[in-house]
Amino acid sequence: QVQLVESGGGLVQPGGSLRLSCAAPASGSIFRTYVMSWYRQAPGKQRELVADITNGGSTNYADSVKGRFTISRDNAKNTVFLQMNSLKSEDTAVYYCKASLYRDAGGYWGQGTQVTVSS
């Protein structure tokens, strides 16, 4: 069992930035073996992949966020980050962190953090 705790969400104006964090404080050294992903779910829409990062540091992004979002991980702190720049209203959603053994596999989910982009 891996417990994931997201933080960093909030209200931001269009064009602004936020940095989300997802910590797995009790996972120990196993954290570095997981693929870490960020998903989001907007009201009335399906949950979608935003970005993921493998244990080797390979990254993957949804087309809608390429060039604006950056995913990174700090294995020493058992934490994954999502730096979000040039935010748009369509980025408004609940953002979830997931830990899995492989990309697109089932895994452990955090509770989600709300991101609202509005003037």
Protein backbone atom coordinates (compact mmCIF):
# COMPACT_ATOMS: atom_id res chain seq x y z
CA GLN A 1 0.00 0.00 0.00
CA VAL A 2 1.33 3.41 -1.01
CA GLN A 3 -0.19 6.54 0.49
CA LEU A 4 0.01 9.61 -1.74
CA VAL A 5 -0.62 13.14 -0.52
CA GLU A 6 -1.08 15.95 -3.05
CA SER A 7 -0.73 19.64 -2.31
CA GLY A 8 -0.26 22.96 -4.07
CA GLY A 9 -3.62 23.46 -5.72
CA GLY A 10 -5.57 26.68 -5.55
CA LEU A 11 -7.06 29.60 -7.46
CA VAL A 12 -4.88 31.33 -10.05
CA GLN A 13 -5.50 33.84 -12.82
CA PRO A 14 -5.09 32.89 -16.47
CA GLY A 15 -1.44 33.06 -17.42
CA GLY A 16 -0.34 32.30 -13.88
CA SER A 17 1.61 29.39 -12.44
CA LEU A 18 1.19 26.72 -9.79
CA ARG A 19 3.40 23.92 -8.56
CA LEU A 20 1.74 20.72 -7.42
CA SER A 21 3.47 18.24 -5.15
CA CYS A 22 2.71 14.60 -4.45
CA ALA A 23 4.49 12.99 -1.54
CA ALA A 24 4.71 9.33 -0.58
CA PRO A 25 6.19 9.71 2.88
CA ALA A 26 5.96 6.10 4.00
CA SER A 27 6.94 4.36 0.78
CA GLY A 28 10.65 4.21 1.48
CA SER A 29 13.04 3.23 -1.28
CA ILE A 30 10.26 1.54 -3.27
CA PHE A 31 9.15 5.00 -4.45
CA ARG A 32 11.96 5.18 -6.95
CA THR A 33 10.69 2.03 -8.71
CA TYR A 34 7.27 3.49 -9.51
CA VAL A 35 6.09 5.34 -12.58
CA MET A 36 4.54 8.53 -11.20
CA SER A 37 1.69 10.19 -13.06
CA TRP A 38 -0.52 13.24 -12.83
CA TYR A 39 -4.11 12.98 -14.04
CA ARG A 40 -6.90 15.52 -13.97
CA GLN A 41 -10.66 15.43 -14.07
CA ALA A 42 -12.78 18.42 -14.97
CA PRO A 43 -16.52 18.58 -14.12
CA GLY A 44 -18.51 16.38 -16.48
CA LYS A 45 -15.39 14.96 -18.14
CA GLN A 46 -13.41 11.76 -17.88
CA ARG A 47 -10.17 11.62 -15.98
CA GLU A 48 -7.24 12.19 -18.35
CA LEU A 49 -3.49 11.74 -18.18
CA VAL A 50 -1.58 15.01 -17.88
CA ALA A 51 1.99 13.76 -17.56
CA ASP A 52 4.05 10.88 -16.25
CA ILE A 53 7.66 10.15 -15.39
CA THR A 54 9.35 6.77 -15.20
CA ASN A 55 11.86 5.62 -12.62
CA GLY A 56 14.54 6.43 -15.17
CA GLY A 57 13.31 9.98 -15.65
CA SER A 58 11.62 9.55 -19.03
CA THR A 59 8.65 11.90 -19.33
CA ASN A 60 5.43 11.94 -21.30
CA TYR A 61 2.90 14.77 -21.67
CA ALA A 62 -0.59 15.27 -22.98
CA ASP A 63 -0.57 17.44 -26.11
CA SER A 64 -2.70 20.04 -24.35
CA VAL A 65 0.02 20.77 -21.75
CA LYS A 66 3.24 20.32 -23.74
CA GLY A 67 5.50 23.33 -23.40
CA ARG A 68 3.56 24.63 -20.38
CA PHE A 69 3.78 21.86 -17.75
CA THR A 70 6.85 20.08 -16.42
CA ILE A 71 6.85 16.90 -14.37
CA SER A 72 9.82 16.03 -12.17
CA ARG A 73 10.65 13.78 -9.26
CA ASP A 74 12.90 13.83 -6.23
CA ASN A 75 13.46 10.22 -5.19
CA ALA A 76 15.37 11.26 -2.08
CA LYS A 77 12.22 13.02 -0.84
CA ASN A 78 9.73 10.51 -2.30
CA THR A 79 8.01 13.36 -4.08
CA VAL A 80 6.85 14.13 -7.61
CA PHE A 81 6.11 17.64 -8.84
CA LEU A 82 4.04 19.23 -11.58
CA GLN A 83 5.10 22.75 -12.51
CA MET A 84 2.24 24.40 -14.39
CA ASN A 85 2.89 27.63 -16.27
CA SER A 86 0.76 29.75 -18.62
CA LEU A 87 -2.37 28.30 -17.08
CA LYS A 88 -5.63 28.48 -18.98
CA SER A 89 -9.24 28.24 -17.86
CA GLU A 90 -9.42 24.80 -19.46
CA ASP A 91 -6.79 23.57 -17.03
CA THR A 92 -9.36 23.87 -14.24
CA ALA A 93 -9.82 20.41 -12.73
CA VAL A 94 -9.08 18.19 -9.79
CA TYR A 95 -5.53 16.93 -10.19
CA TYR A 96 -4.63 13.43 -9.00
CA CYS A 97 -1.31 11.74 -8.47
CA LYS A 98 -0.83 8.04 -9.23
CA ALA A 99 1.95 5.56 -8.49
CA SER A 100 2.13 2.45 -10.67
CA LEU A 101 4.61 -0.18 -11.72
CA TYR A 102 4.09 0.53 -15.42
CA ARG A 103 2.65 3.30 -17.56
CA ASP A 104 -1.11 2.94 -18.08
CA ALA A 105 -1.30 0.31 -15.32
CA GLY A 106 -3.50 0.43 -12.27
CA GLY A 107 -1.93 1.75 -9.13
CA TYR A 108 -2.29 3.86 -6.04
CA TRP A 109 -4.07 7.21 -6.14
CA GLY A 110 -3.95 10.34 -4.05
CA GLN A 111 -7.02 12.20 -2.87
CA GLY A 112 -6.73 14.98 -5.44
CA THR A 113 -6.11 18.71 -5.29
CA GLN A 114 -8.33 21.37 -6.90
CA VAL A 115 -6.85 23.74 -9.46
CA THR A 116 -9.06 26.62 -10.57
CA VAL A 117 -7.93 29.03 -13.28
CA SER A 118 -10.16 32.08 -13.35
CA SER A 119 -10.01 35.84 -13.40
